[in-house]
Amino acid sequence: MDNLRMWNDFVAYAAAKLEQNLTQIRRCAGLLNEEELWRRANQHANSVGNLLLHLNGNVRQWIVAGIGGQPFERDRPAEFAARGPLPTELLLANLDQAVSAAIRIVTDLPPGQAATPLCIQGYNVSTLTAIFHVVEHFSFHTGQIVHATKLIRDVDLSLYDEQGHKYAVVSAVTKP
């Protein structure tokens, strides 16, 4: 496989994974009321609301600003300190905008930019590493959001059947 095809496959996968995770996050947030969105299991745990703020900040800092060069001032501690209430619709709209911008930036990158050195959040990384970081980080916190939603709502949010095959369509679930 040549470098161009590997780059194109990587970028397509990264964009698809961000969108898939965002869909799962929307699904979970749609099940939670505002109190549940900001509920913390204990003082060391984050609420789903905190994770939405945190993912927005991470995507904007690492891809939108770090790779895309758009201005962004991040207050990372505030993402975790927030206790709400902030409307779910606003949190999701902000995250949607960040992910959409990130996908546009990533899919428009030329393959020759993969090794471009960047300094993001004090880390010296390549463009490729920055993209990988965001996708991995986004997936990690998506799993936490799914887990928290399952604990709060006692719902099955699986995307796969018993044999490990992905369901063709995952229906959106709304708040009871």
Protein backbone atom coordinates (compact mmCIF):
# COMPACT_ATOMS: atom_id res chain seq x y z
CA MET A 1 0.00 0.00 0.00
CA ASP A 2 1.44 3.37 -0.93
CA ASN A 3 1.72 6.32 1.44
CA LEU A 4 -1.08 8.29 -0.22
CA ARG A 5 -3.53 5.43 0.17
CA MET A 6 -2.49 4.83 3.79
CA TRP A 7 -2.96 8.52 4.56
CA ASN A 8 -6.36 8.61 2.87
CA ASP A 9 -7.46 5.46 4.73
CA PHE A 10 -6.26 6.90 8.04
CA VAL A 11 -8.02 10.23 7.50
CA ALA A 12 -11.25 8.54 6.39
CA TYR A 13 -11.18 6.24 9.43
CA ALA A 14 -10.43 9.11 11.83
CA ALA A 15 -13.32 11.18 10.45
CA ALA A 16 -15.72 8.22 10.52
CA LYS A 17 -14.72 7.27 14.08
CA LEU A 18 -15.27 10.83 15.34
CA GLU A 19 -18.70 10.92 13.71
CA GLN A 20 -19.63 7.45 15.04
CA ASN A 21 -18.61 8.40 18.56
CA LEU A 22 -20.46 11.71 18.32
CA THR A 23 -23.59 9.82 17.27
CA GLN A 24 -23.28 7.59 20.34
CA ILE A 25 -22.72 10.64 22.56
CA ARG A 26 -25.82 12.32 21.13
CA ARG A 27 -27.78 9.13 21.76
CA CYS A 28 -26.67 9.01 25.40
CA ALA A 29 -27.19 12.71 26.09
CA GLY A 30 -30.69 12.41 24.63
CA LEU A 31 -31.55 9.87 27.31
CA LEU A 32 -30.44 12.03 30.23
CA ASN A 33 -32.29 14.91 31.79
CA GLU A 34 -30.32 17.97 32.89
CA GLU A 35 -29.85 16.74 36.48
CA GLU A 36 -28.61 13.37 35.24
CA LEU A 37 -26.27 15.03 32.74
CA TRP A 38 -24.48 16.77 35.61
CA ARG A 39 -24.62 13.90 38.11
CA ARG A 40 -21.26 12.72 39.47
CA ALA A 41 -20.86 9.29 41.04
CA ASN A 42 -18.38 10.78 43.52
CA GLN A 43 -15.94 13.69 43.87
CA HIS A 44 -13.37 11.95 41.64
CA ALA A 45 -15.76 11.22 38.79
CA ASN A 46 -16.82 13.49 35.96
CA SER A 47 -20.38 14.04 34.88
CA VAL A 48 -21.46 13.52 31.28
CA GLY A 49 -21.79 17.32 31.09
CA ASN A 50 -18.14 17.72 32.12
CA LEU A 51 -17.08 15.19 29.51
CA LEU A 52 -18.98 17.06 26.79
CA LEU A 53 -17.20 20.28 27.76
CA HIS A 54 -13.87 18.45 27.91
CA LEU A 55 -14.24 16.79 24.51
CA ASN A 56 -15.19 20.12 22.95
CA GLY A 57 -12.07 21.72 24.44
CA ASN A 58 -9.79 18.88 23.40
CA VAL A 59 -11.00 18.72 19.79
CA ARG A 60 -10.79 22.49 19.41
CA GLN A 61 -7.32 22.74 21.00
CA TRP A 62 -5.71 19.80 19.20
CA ILE A 63 -7.28 19.89 15.73
CA VAL A 64 -9.19 23.12 15.15
CA ALA A 65 -6.47 25.33 16.64
CA GLY A 66 -3.44 23.03 16.73
CA ILE A 67 -3.67 21.74 13.17
CA GLY A 68 -6.17 24.17 11.62
CA GLY A 69 -4.58 27.30 13.05
CA GLN A 70 -7.88 28.81 14.23
CA PRO A 71 -7.70 30.87 17.42
CA PHE A 72 -8.88 29.14 20.57
CA GLU A 73 -8.35 29.87 24.25
CA ARG A 74 -8.94 26.82 26.42
CA ASP A 75 -9.68 26.71 30.14
CA ARG A 76 -9.21 22.99 30.74
CA PRO A 77 -9.73 23.13 34.53
CA ALA A 78 -13.09 24.85 33.98
CA GLU A 79 -14.24 21.89 31.87
CA PHE A 80 -13.98 19.67 34.94
CA ALA A 81 -15.01 22.25 37.53
CA ALA A 82 -18.36 23.04 35.87
CA ARG A 83 -21.40 21.81 37.76
CA GLY A 84 -24.08 22.94 35.32
CA PRO A 85 -26.71 23.58 34.60
CA LEU A 86 -25.98 24.09 30.95
CA PRO A 87 -28.59 22.98 28.42
CA THR A 88 -27.87 19.66 26.73
CA GLU A 89 -28.73 21.19 23.36
CA LEU A 90 -26.04 23.87 23.78
CA LEU A 91 -23.38 21.38 24.87
CA LEU A 92 -24.17 19.11 21.93
CA ALA A 93 -24.32 22.00 19.44
CA ASN A 94 -20.87 23.16 20.55
CA LEU A 95 -19.47 19.64 20.30
CA ASP A 96 -21.12 19.14 16.90
CA GLN A 97 -19.47 22.33 15.64
CA ALA A 98 -16.06 21.32 16.98
CA VAL A 99 -16.23 17.83 15.46
CA SER A 100 -17.52 19.14 12.12
CA ALA A 101 -14.68 21.67 11.97
CA ALA A 102 -12.14 19.00 12.93
CA ILE A 103 -13.39 16.60 10.27
CA ARG A 104 -13.18 19.34 7.60
CA ILE A 105 -9.65 20.24 8.69
CA VAL A 106 -8.45 16.64 8.78
CA THR A 107 -10.03 15.59 5.49
CA ASP A 108 -8.60 18.65 3.72
CA LEU A 109 -5.01 17.98 4.86
CA PRO A 110 -2.54 16.98 2.17
CA PRO A 111 -0.68 13.70 2.87
CA GLY A 112 2.63 15.55 3.03
CA GLN A 113 1.47 17.28 6.20
CA ALA A 114 1.31 14.06 8.27
CA ALA A 115 4.82 14.55 9.66
CA THR A 116 4.54 18.31 10.19
CA PRO A 117 5.76 19.10 13.71
CA LEU A 118 3.34 20.85 16.05
CA CYS A 119 3.38 21.94 19.67
CA ILE A 120 -0.05 21.43 21.23
CA GLN A 121 -0.81 21.70 24.93
CA GLY A 122 2.94 21.68 25.54
CA TYR A 123 3.50 18.43 23.63
CA ASN A 124 5.72 18.20 20.55
CA VAL A 125 3.80 15.99 18.13
CA SER A 126 3.31 15.41 14.43
CA THR A 127 0.04 16.17 12.67
CA LEU A 128 -0.60 12.43 12.42
CA THR A 129 -0.03 11.98 16.16
CA ALA A 130 -2.35 14.89 16.97
CA ILE A 131 -5.17 13.36 14.91
CA PHE A 132 -4.61 9.95 16.47
CA HIS A 133 -4.60 11.50 19.94
CA VAL A 134 -7.96 13.20 19.40
CA VAL A 135 -9.65 10.11 17.95
CA GLU A 136 -8.33 7.88 20.76
CA HIS A 137 -9.21 10.44 23.44
CA PHE A 138 -12.70 10.98 21.98
CA SER A 139 -13.30 7.22 21.91
CA PHE A 140 -12.14 6.80 25.51
CA HIS A 141 -14.52 9.43 26.83
CA THR A 142 -17.35 8.18 24.61
CA GLY A 143 -17.02 4.88 26.44
CA GLN A 144 -17.26 6.69 29.77
CA ILE A 145 -20.39 8.53 28.61
CA VAL A 146 -21.97 5.26 27.48
CA HIS A 147 -21.10 3.61 30.78
CA ALA A 148 -22.47 6.50 32.84
CA THR A 149 -25.68 6.49 30.80
CA LYS A 150 -26.11 2.75 31.33
CA LEU A 151 -25.64 3.19 35.08
CA ILE A 152 -28.07 6.10 35.30
CA ARG A 153 -30.77 4.80 32.93
CA ASP A 154 -30.31 0.98 33.02
CA VAL A 155 -30.49 0.78 29.21
CA ASP A 156 -28.80 -1.40 26.61
CA LEU A 157 -26.74 0.85 24.36
CA SER A 158 -24.87 -1.88 22.52
CA LEU A 159 -24.01 -1.28 18.90
CA TYR A 160 -23.31 -4.99 18.36
CA ASP A 161 -25.30 -8.22 18.55
CA GLU A 162 -24.30 -11.26 20.61
CA GLN A 163 -21.94 -12.48 17.85
CA GLY A 164 -20.12 -9.16 17.74
CA HIS A 165 -21.69 -7.98 14.47
CA LYS A 166 -22.56 -4.33 14.22
CA TYR A 167 -26.26 -3.55 14.05
CA ALA A 168 -27.20 -2.03 10.69
CA VAL A 169 -29.20 0.78 12.28
CA VAL A 170 -29.07 2.04 15.83
CA SER A 171 -32.26 3.80 16.72
CA ALA A 172 -32.15 7.08 18.54
CA VAL A 173 -33.64 6.81 21.99
CA THR A 174 -35.35 9.74 23.61
CA LYS A 175 -35.86 10.68 27.23
CA PRO A 176 -38.81 9.00 28.94
